[in-house]
């Protein structure tokens, strides 16, 4: 029987270039959302729409892993750039 139909399996022992590109697209989408939100002061109060788009596009193009990675990057960047700290010492 022909084993070529199992092309969905990852290569054994090596990372493929396409795996790295998927995560690079996720990082680029989140950085683009940060840039777009910071360049428009009106949107700084509700930055979630660009980040939601970045998460959806990276999940559609890359899959589940890059989608979760974009979600983690988005929450960290929203917390870092757009949410003021409530408590300080």
PDB file of N, CA and C in Angstrom:
ATOM      1  N   UNK A   1       0.835  -1.187   0.000  1.00  0.00           N
ATOM      2  CA  UNK A   1       0.000   0.000   0.000  1.00  0.00           C
ATOM      3  C   UNK A   1       0.875   1.243   0.000  1.00  0.00           C
ATOM      4  N   UNK A   2       0.426   2.249  -0.681  1.00  0.00           N
ATOM      5  CA  UNK A   2       1.182   3.493  -0.803  1.00  0.00           C
ATOM      6  C   UNK A   2       1.074   4.303   0.489  1.00  0.00           C
ATOM      7  N   UNK A   3       2.220   4.715   1.043  1.00  0.00           N
ATOM      8  CA  UNK A   3       2.247   5.465   2.296  1.00  0.00           C
ATOM      9  C   UNK A   3       2.289   6.976   2.081  1.00  0.00           C
ATOM     10  N   UNK A   4       2.223   7.444   0.852  1.00  0.00           N
ATOM     11  CA  UNK A   4       2.315   8.875   0.582  1.00  0.00           C
ATOM     12  C   UNK A   4       1.062   9.640   0.973  1.00  0.00           C
ATOM     13  N   UNK A   5      -0.022   8.973   1.277  1.00  0.00           N
ATOM     14  CA  UNK A   5      -1.231   9.682   1.644  1.00  0.00           C
ATOM     15  C   UNK A   5      -1.132  10.256   3.049  1.00  0.00           C
ATOM     16  N   UNK A   6      -0.133   9.869   3.804  1.00  0.00           N
ATOM     17  CA  UNK A   6       0.030  10.350   5.176  1.00  0.00           C
ATOM     18  C   UNK A   6       0.903  11.607   5.224  1.00  0.00           C
ATOM     19  N   UNK A   7       0.687  12.526   4.325  1.00  0.00           N
ATOM     20  CA  UNK A   7       1.510  13.729   4.272  1.00  0.00           C
ATOM     21  C   UNK A   7       1.231  14.692   5.411  1.00  0.00           C
ATOM     22  N   UNK A   8       0.183  14.471   6.161  1.00  0.00           N
ATOM     23  CA  UNK A   8      -0.141  15.367   7.277  1.00  0.00           C
ATOM     24  C   UNK A   8       0.770  15.131   8.462  1.00  0.00           C
ATOM     25  N   UNK A   9       1.488  14.020   8.500  1.00  0.00           N
ATOM     26  CA  UNK A   9       2.364  13.721   9.621  1.00  0.00           C
ATOM     27  C   UNK A   9       3.614  14.586   9.564  1.00  0.00           C
ATOM     28  N   UNK A  10       4.065  15.099  10.710  1.00  0.00           N
ATOM     29  CA  UNK A  10       5.290  15.911  10.701  1.00  0.00           C
ATOM     30  C   UNK A  10       6.512  15.050  10.414  1.00  0.00           C
ATOM     31  N   UNK A  11       7.536  15.676   9.912  1.00  0.00           N
ATOM     32  CA  UNK A  11       8.764  14.948   9.631  1.00  0.00           C
ATOM     33  C   UNK A  11       9.408  14.511  10.935  1.00  0.00           C
ATOM     34  N   UNK A  12      10.037  13.386  10.906  1.00  0.00           N
ATOM     35  CA  UNK A  12      10.607  12.821  12.130  1.00  0.00           C
ATOM     36  C   UNK A  12      11.971  13.440  12.420  1.00  0.00           C
ATOM     37  N   UNK A  13      12.090  14.060  13.567  1.00  0.00           N
ATOM     38  CA  UNK A  13      13.367  14.582  14.012  1.00  0.00           C
ATOM     39  C   UNK A  13      13.725  15.972  13.548  1.00  0.00           C
ATOM     40  N   UNK A  14      13.103  16.482  12.519  1.00  0.00           N
ATOM     41  CA  UNK A  14      13.463  17.807  12.007  1.00  0.00           C
ATOM     42  C   UNK A  14      12.244  18.730  12.037  1.00  0.00           C
ATOM     43  N   UNK A  15      12.518  19.995  12.244  1.00  0.00           N
ATOM     44  CA  UNK A  15      11.470  21.003  12.123  1.00  0.00           C
ATOM     45  C   UNK A  15      11.441  21.480  10.688  1.00  0.00           C
ATOM     46  N   UNK A  16      10.270  21.585  10.169  1.00  0.00           N
ATOM     47  CA  UNK A  16      10.102  22.042   8.805  1.00  0.00           C
ATOM     48  C   UNK A  16      10.071  23.575   8.792  1.00  0.00           C
ATOM     49  N   UNK A  17      10.411  24.170   7.685  1.00  0.00           N
ATOM     50  CA  UNK A  17      10.417  25.628   7.561  1.00  0.00           C
ATOM     51  C   UNK A  17       8.997  26.170   7.709  1.00  0.00           C
ATOM     52  N   UNK A  18       8.017  25.414   7.268  1.00  0.00           N
ATOM     53  CA  UNK A  18       6.641  25.897   7.347  1.00  0.00           C
ATOM     54  C   UNK A  18       6.162  26.031   8.790  1.00  0.00           C
ATOM     55  N   UNK A  19       6.721  25.242   9.709  1.00  0.00           N
ATOM     56  CA  UNK A  19       6.358  25.392  11.120  1.00  0.00           C
ATOM     57  C   UNK A  19       6.819  26.741  11.659  1.00  0.00           C
ATOM     58  N   UNK A  20       8.008  27.145  11.268  1.00  0.00           N
ATOM     59  CA  UNK A  20       8.541  28.423  11.731  1.00  0.00           C
ATOM     60  C   UNK A  20       7.800  29.595  11.093  1.00  0.00           C
ATOM     61  N   UNK A  21       7.400  29.443   9.853  1.00  0.00           N
ATOM     62  CA  UNK A  21       6.685  30.515   9.166  1.00  0.00           C
ATOM     63  C   UNK A  21       5.316  30.740   9.802  1.00  0.00           C
ATOM     64  N   UNK A  22       4.655  29.673  10.235  1.00  0.00           N
ATOM     65  CA  UNK A  22       3.342  29.836  10.868  1.00  0.00           C
ATOM     66  C   UNK A  22       3.433  30.686  12.121  1.00  0.00           C
ATOM     67  N   UNK A  23       4.443  30.437  12.950  1.00  0.00           N
ATOM     68  CA  UNK A  23       4.602  31.221  14.166  1.00  0.00           C
ATOM     69  C   UNK A  23       5.110  32.633  13.869  1.00  0.00           C
ATOM     70  N   UNK A  24       5.895  32.787  12.823  1.00  0.00           N
ATOM     71  CA  UNK A  24       6.352  34.120  12.425  1.00  0.00           C
ATOM     72  C   UNK A  24       5.179  34.972  11.943  1.00  0.00           C
ATOM     73  N   UNK A  25       4.228  34.347  11.259  1.00  0.00           N
ATOM     74  CA  UNK A  25       3.017  35.072  10.834  1.00  0.00           C
ATOM     75  C   UNK A  25       2.219  35.511  12.053  1.00  0.00           C
ATOM     76  N   UNK A  26       2.141  34.660  13.074  1.00  0.00           N
ATOM     77  CA  UNK A  26       1.417  35.029  14.295  1.00  0.00           C
ATOM     78  C   UNK A  26       2.066  36.227  14.982  1.00  0.00           C
ATOM     79  N   UNK A  27       3.385  36.230  15.059  1.00  0.00           N
ATOM     80  CA  UNK A  27       4.099  37.359  15.676  1.00  0.00           C
ATOM     81  C   UNK A  27       3.918  38.620  14.843  1.00  0.00           C
ATOM     82  N   UNK A  28       3.999  38.487  13.527  1.00  0.00           N
ATOM     83  CA  UNK A  28       3.839  39.658  12.652  1.00  0.00           C
ATOM     84  C   UNK A  28       2.435  40.232  12.746  1.00  0.00           C
ATOM     85  N   UNK A  29       1.430  39.385  12.854  1.00  0.00           N
ATOM     86  CA  UNK A  29       0.055  39.877  12.960  1.00  0.00           C
ATOM     87  C   UNK A  29      -0.163  40.632  14.275  1.00  0.00           C
ATOM     88  N   UNK A  30       0.385  40.119  15.358  1.00  0.00           N
ATOM     89  CA  UNK A  30       0.222  40.798  16.651  1.00  0.00           C
ATOM     90  C   UNK A  30       1.004  42.108  16.664  1.00  0.00           C
ATOM     91  N   UNK A  31       2.202  42.117  16.095  1.00  0.00           N
ATOM     92  CA  UNK A  31       2.961  43.376  16.030  1.00  0.00           C
ATOM     93  C   UNK A  31       2.262  44.394  15.139  1.00  0.00           C
ATOM     94  N   UNK A  32       1.637  43.934  14.080  1.00  0.00           N
ATOM     95  CA  UNK A  32       0.840  44.834  13.242  1.00  0.00           C
ATOM     96  C   UNK A  32      -0.343  45.411  13.994  1.00  0.00           C
ATOM     97  N   UNK A  33      -0.984  44.590  14.821  1.00  0.00           N
ATOM     98  CA  UNK A  33      -2.107  45.086  15.619  1.00  0.00           C
ATOM     99  C   UNK A  33      -1.646  46.108  16.646  1.00  0.00           C
ATOM    100  N   UNK A  34      -0.483  45.878  17.249  1.00  0.00           N
ATOM    101  CA  UNK A  34       0.078  46.857  18.193  1.00  0.00           C
ATOM    102  C   UNK A  34       0.372  48.164  17.476  1.00  0.00           C
ATOM    103  N   UNK A  35       0.987  48.086  16.310  1.00  0.00           N
ATOM    104  CA  UNK A  35       1.317  49.292  15.544  1.00  0.00           C
ATOM    105  C   UNK A  35       0.058  50.050  15.133  1.00  0.00           C
ATOM    106  N   UNK A  36      -0.953  49.344  14.629  1.00  0.00           N
ATOM    107  CA  UNK A  36      -2.182  50.020  14.214  1.00  0.00           C
ATOM    108  C   UNK A  36      -2.903  50.671  15.383  1.00  0.00           C
ATOM    109  N   UNK A  37      -2.911  50.001  16.510  1.00  0.00           N
ATOM    110  CA  UNK A  37      -3.608  50.560  17.675  1.00  0.00           C
ATOM    111  C   UNK A  37      -2.850  51.750  18.258  1.00  0.00           C
ATOM    112  N   UNK A  38      -1.534  51.675  18.276  1.00  0.00           N
ATOM    113  CA  UNK A  38      -0.754  52.804  18.796  1.00  0.00           C
ATOM    114  C   UNK A  38      -0.753  53.992  17.844  1.00  0.00           C
ATOM    115  N   UNK A  39      -0.933  53.757  16.561  1.00  0.00           N
ATOM    116  CA  UNK A  39      -0.917  54.859  15.607  1.00  0.00           C
ATOM    117  C   UNK A  39      -2.243  55.620  15.573  1.00  0.00           C
ATOM    118  N   UNK A  40      -3.279  55.041  16.107  1.00  0.00           N
ATOM    119  CA  UNK A  40      -4.583  55.701  16.145  1.00  0.00           C
ATOM    120  C   UNK A  40      -5.001  55.899  17.609  1.00  0.00           C
ATOM    121  N   UNK A  41      -4.870  57.116  18.130  1.00  0.00           N
ATOM    122  CA  UNK A  41      -5.152  57.347  19.549  1.00  0.00           C
ATOM    123  C   UNK A  41      -6.609  57.091  19.932  1.00  0.00           C
ATOM    124  N   UNK A  42      -7.510  57.186  18.970  1.00  0.00           N
ATOM    125  CA  UNK A  42      -8.924  56.941  19.275  1.00  0.00           C
ATOM    126  C   UNK A  42      -9.139  55.484  19.654  1.00  0.00           C
ATOM    127  N   UNK A  43      -8.383  54.584  19.050  1.00  0.00           N
ATOM    128  CA  UNK A  43      -8.563  53.159  19.286  1.00  0.00           C
ATOM    129  C   UNK A  43      -7.818  52.646  20.511  1.00  0.00           C
ATOM    130  N   UNK A  44      -7.054  53.486  21.183  1.00  0.00           N
ATOM    131  CA  UNK A  44      -6.299  53.041  22.351  1.00  0.00           C
ATOM    132  C   UNK A  44      -7.210  52.685  23.517  1.00  0.00           C
ATOM    133  N   UNK A  45      -8.438  53.209  23.524  1.00  0.00           N
ATOM    134  CA  UNK A  45      -9.366  52.865  24.603  1.00  0.00           C
ATOM    135  C   UNK A  45      -9.947  51.467  24.436  1.00  0.00           C
ATOM    136  N   UNK A  46     -10.103  51.011  23.216  1.00  0.00           N
ATOM    137  CA  UNK A  46     -10.629  49.667  22.952  1.00  0.00           C
ATOM    138  C   UNK A  46      -9.767  48.995  21.878  1.00  0.00           C
ATOM    139  N   UNK A  47      -8.604  48.465  22.258  1.00  0.00           N
ATOM    140  CA  UNK A  47      -7.677  47.927  21.256  1.00  0.00           C
ATOM    141  C   UNK A  47      -8.006  46.515  20.799  1.00  0.00           C
ATOM    142  N   UNK A  48      -9.093  45.962  21.287  1.00  0.00           N
ATOM    143  CA  UNK A  48      -9.332  44.533  21.116  1.00  0.00           C
ATOM    144  C   UNK A  48      -9.698  44.132  19.695  1.00  0.00           C
ATOM    145  N   UNK A  49     -10.218  45.030  18.881  1.00  0.00           N
ATOM    146  CA  UNK A  49     -10.700  44.651  17.566  1.00  0.00           C
ATOM    147  C   UNK A  49      -9.539  44.253  16.648  1.00  0.00           C
ATOM    148  N   UNK A  50      -8.421  44.968  16.684  1.00  0.00           N
ATOM    149  CA  UNK A  50      -7.277  44.596  15.857  1.00  0.00           C
ATOM    150  C   UNK A  50      -6.625  43.316  16.362  1.00  0.00           C
ATOM    151  N   UNK A  51      -6.584  43.147  17.670  1.00  0.00           N
ATOM    152  CA  UNK A  51      -5.980  41.937  18.219  1.00  0.00           C
ATOM    153  C   UNK A  51      -6.847  40.712  17.951  1.00  0.00           C
ATOM    154  N   UNK A  52      -8.147  40.884  17.969  1.00  0.00           N
ATOM    155  CA  UNK A  52      -9.029  39.771  17.620  1.00  0.00           C
ATOM    156  C   UNK A  52      -8.823  39.366  16.163  1.00  0.00           C
ATOM    157  N   UNK A  53      -8.674  40.350  15.287  1.00  0.00           N
ATOM    158  CA  UNK A  53      -8.386  40.057  13.886  1.00  0.00           C
ATOM    159  C   UNK A  53      -7.053  39.350  13.716  1.00  0.00           C
ATOM    160  N   UNK A  54      -6.041  39.766  14.477  1.00  0.00           N
ATOM    161  CA  UNK A  54      -4.722  39.121  14.391  1.00  0.00           C
ATOM    162  C   UNK A  54      -4.790  37.674  14.855  1.00  0.00           C
ATOM    163  N   UNK A  55      -5.554  37.409  15.891  1.00  0.00           N
ATOM    164  CA  UNK A  55      -5.695  36.047  16.400  1.00  0.00           C
ATOM    165  C   UNK A  55      -6.433  35.177  15.389  1.00  0.00           C
ATOM    166  N   UNK A  56      -7.498  35.705  14.827  1.00  0.00           N
ATOM    167  CA  UNK A  56      -8.284  34.914  13.877  1.00  0.00           C
ATOM    168  C   UNK A  56      -7.488  34.617  12.612  1.00  0.00           C
ATOM    169  N   UNK A  57      -6.787  35.607  12.092  1.00  0.00           N
ATOM    170  CA  UNK A  57      -6.014  35.386  10.863  1.00  0.00           C
ATOM    171  C   UNK A  57      -4.875  34.410  11.112  1.00  0.00           C
ATOM    172  N   UNK A  58      -4.169  34.535  12.255  1.00  0.00           N
ATOM    173  CA  UNK A  58      -3.087  33.587  12.497  1.00  0.00           C
ATOM    174  C   UNK A  58      -3.594  32.191  12.774  1.00  0.00           C
ATOM    175  N   UNK A  59      -4.782  32.056  13.357  1.00  0.00           N
ATOM    176  CA  UNK A  59      -5.346  30.721  13.545  1.00  0.00           C
ATOM    177  C   UNK A  59      -5.814  30.128  12.221  1.00  0.00           C
ATOM    178  N   UNK A  60      -6.352  30.956  11.347  1.00  0.00           N
ATOM    179  CA  UNK A  60      -6.783  30.446  10.043  1.00  0.00           C
ATOM    180  C   UNK A  60      -5.601  30.058   9.169  1.00  0.00           C
ATOM    181  N   UNK A  61      -4.550  30.854   9.181  1.00  0.00           N
ATOM    182  CA  UNK A  61      -3.396  30.566   8.333  1.00  0.00           C
ATOM    183  C   UNK A  61      -2.467  29.519   8.930  1.00  0.00           C
ATOM    184  N   UNK A  62      -2.319  29.521  10.255  1.00  0.00           N
ATOM    185  CA  UNK A  62      -1.322  28.651  10.875  1.00  0.00           C
ATOM    186  C   UNK A  62      -1.851  27.444  11.587  1.00  0.00           C
ATOM    187  N   UNK A  63      -3.046  27.527  12.113  1.00  0.00           N
ATOM    188  CA  UNK A  63      -3.595  26.402  12.851  1.00  0.00           C
ATOM    189  C   UNK A  63      -3.779  26.728  14.325  1.00  0.00           C
ATOM    190  N   UNK A  64      -3.950  25.692  15.099  1.00  0.00           N
ATOM    191  CA  UNK A  64      -4.280  25.845  16.513  1.00  0.00           C
ATOM    192  C   UNK A  64      -3.108  26.388  17.342  1.00  0.00           C
ATOM    193  N   UNK A  65      -1.919  25.885  17.107  1.00  0.00           N
ATOM    194  CA  UNK A  65      -0.745  26.328  17.866  1.00  0.00           C
ATOM    195  C   UNK A  65      -0.442  27.807  17.679  1.00  0.00           C
ATOM    196  N   UNK A  66      -0.311  28.276  16.443  1.00  0.00           N
ATOM    197  CA  UNK A  66      -0.082  29.709  16.250  1.00  0.00           C
ATOM    198  C   UNK A  66      -1.258  30.570  16.706  1.00  0.00           C
ATOM    199  N   UNK A  67      -2.463  30.028  16.677  1.00  0.00           N
ATOM    200  CA  UNK A  67      -3.612  30.773  17.194  1.00  0.00           C
ATOM    201  C   UNK A  67      -3.504  31.008  18.690  1.00  0.00           C
ATOM    202  N   UNK A  68      -3.106  29.958  19.429  1.00  0.00           N
ATOM    203  CA  UNK A  68      -2.900  30.124  20.864  1.00  0.00           C
ATOM    204  C   UNK A  68      -1.696  31.016  21.159  1.00  0.00           C
ATOM    205  N   UNK A  69      -0.668  30.907  20.342  1.00  0.00           N
ATOM    206  CA  UNK A  69       0.509  31.757  20.515  1.00  0.00           C
ATOM    207  C   UNK A  69       0.165  33.224  20.284  1.00  0.00           C
ATOM    208  N   UNK A  70      -0.654  33.494  19.263  1.00  0.00           N
ATOM    209  CA  UNK A  70      -1.090  34.866  19.000  1.00  0.00           C
ATOM    210  C   UNK A  70      -1.989  35.377  20.120  1.00  0.00           C
ATOM    211  N   UNK A  71      -2.787  34.489  20.704  1.00  0.00           N
ATOM    212  CA  UNK A  71      -3.624  34.883  21.839  1.00  0.00           C
ATOM    213  C   UNK A  71      -2.770  35.283  23.030  1.00  0.00           C
ATOM    214  N   UNK A  72      -1.738  34.504  23.323  1.00  0.00           N
ATOM    215  CA  UNK A  72      -0.851  34.820  24.445  1.00  0.00           C
ATOM    216  C   UNK A  72      -0.091  36.119  24.195  1.00  0.00           C
ATOM    217  N   UNK A  73       0.403  36.305  22.978  1.00  0.00           N
ATOM    218  CA  UNK A  73       1.098  37.551  22.652  1.00  0.00           C
ATOM    219  C   UNK A  73       0.166  38.761  22.703  1.00  0.00           C
ATOM    220  N   UNK A  74      -1.069  38.568  22.272  1.00  0.00           N
ATOM    221  CA  UNK A  74      -2.031  39.667  22.291  1.00  0.00           C
ATOM    222  C   UNK A  74      -2.375  40.081  23.708  1.00  0.00           C
ATOM    223  N   UNK A  75      -2.606  39.101  24.583  1.00  0.00           N
ATOM    224  CA  UNK A  75      -2.936  39.456  25.968  1.00  0.00           C
ATOM    225  C   UNK A  75      -1.757  40.134  26.659  1.00  0.00           C
ATOM    226  N   UNK A  76      -0.552  39.668  26.374  1.00  0.00           N
ATOM    227  CA  UNK A  76       0.622  40.299  26.984  1.00  0.00           C
ATOM    228  C   UNK A  76       0.825  41.717  26.468  1.00  0.00           C
ATOM    229  N   UNK A  77       0.630  41.932  25.178  1.00  0.00           N
ATOM    230  CA  UNK A  77       0.840  43.274  24.641  1.00  0.00           C
ATOM    231  C   UNK A  77      -0.281  44.231  25.036  1.00  0.00           C
ATOM    232  N   UNK A  78      -1.513  43.747  25.142  1.00  0.00           N
ATOM    233  CA  UNK A  78      -2.599  44.603  25.630  1.00  0.00           C
ATOM    234  C   UNK A  78      -2.330  45.009  27.069  1.00  0.00           C
ATOM    235  N   UNK A  79      -1.889  44.060  27.867  1.00  0.00           N
ATOM    236  CA  UNK A  79      -1.591  44.361  29.270  1.00  0.00           C
ATOM    237  C   UNK A  79      -0.400  45.312  29.381  1.00  0.00           C
ATOM    238  N   UNK A  80       0.576  45.150  28.514  1.00  0.00           N
ATOM    239  CA  UNK A  80       1.790  45.965  28.591  1.00  0.00           C
ATOM    240  C   UNK A  80       1.569  47.379  28.077  1.00  0.00           C
ATOM    241  N   UNK A  81       0.858  47.525  26.946  1.00  0.00           N
ATOM    242  CA  UNK A  81       0.760  48.822  26.295  1.00  0.00           C
ATOM    243  C   UNK A  81      -0.517  49.599  26.601  1.00  0.00           C
ATOM    244  N   UNK A  82      -1.624  48.924  26.876  1.00  0.00           N
ATOM    245  CA  UNK A  82      -2.905  49.621  26.884  1.00  0.00           C
ATOM    246  C   UNK A  82      -3.660  49.608  28.214  1.00  0.00           C
ATOM    247  N   UNK A  83      -3.295  48.776  29.144  1.00  0.00           N
ATOM    248  CA  UNK A  83      -4.009  48.720  30.416  1.00  0.00           C
ATOM    249  C   UNK A  83      -3.145  49.370  31.482  1.00  0.00           C
ATOM    250  N   UNK A  84      -3.712  50.352  32.150  1.00  0.00           N
ATOM    251  CA  UNK A  84      -2.975  51.018  33.218  1.00  0.00           C
ATOM    252  C   UNK A  84      -2.985  50.140  34.469  1.00  0.00           C
ATOM    253  N   UNK A  85      -1.887  50.093  35.177  1.00  0.00           N
ATOM    254  CA  UNK A  85      -1.871  49.290  36.405  1.00  0.00           C
ATOM    255  C   UNK A  85      -2.768  49.890  37.474  1.00  0.00           C
ATOM    256  N   UNK A  86      -3.504  49.052  38.132  1.00  0.00           N
ATOM    257  CA  UNK A  86      -4.425  49.521  39.175  1.00  0.00           C
ATOM    258  C   UNK A  86      -3.727  49.709  40.512  1.00  0.00           C
ATOM    259  N   UNK A  87      -2.802  48.862  40.787  1.00  0.00           N
ATOM    260  CA  UNK A  87      -2.128  48.895  42.086  1.00  0.00           C
ATOM    261  C   UNK A  87      -0.660  49.186  41.896  1.00  0.00           C
ATOM    262  N   UNK A  88      -0.123  49.996  42.774  1.00  0.00           N
ATOM    263  CA  UNK A  88       1.317  50.237  42.755  1.00  0.00           C
ATOM    264  C   UNK A  88       1.791  50.406  44.191  1.00  0.00           C
ATOM    265  N   UNK A  89       3.059  50.171  44.381  1.00  0.00           N
ATOM    266  CA  UNK A  89       3.588  50.278  45.731  1.00  0.00           C
ATOM    267  C   UNK A  89       4.116  51.640  46.007  1.00  0.00           C
TER     268      UNK A  89
END
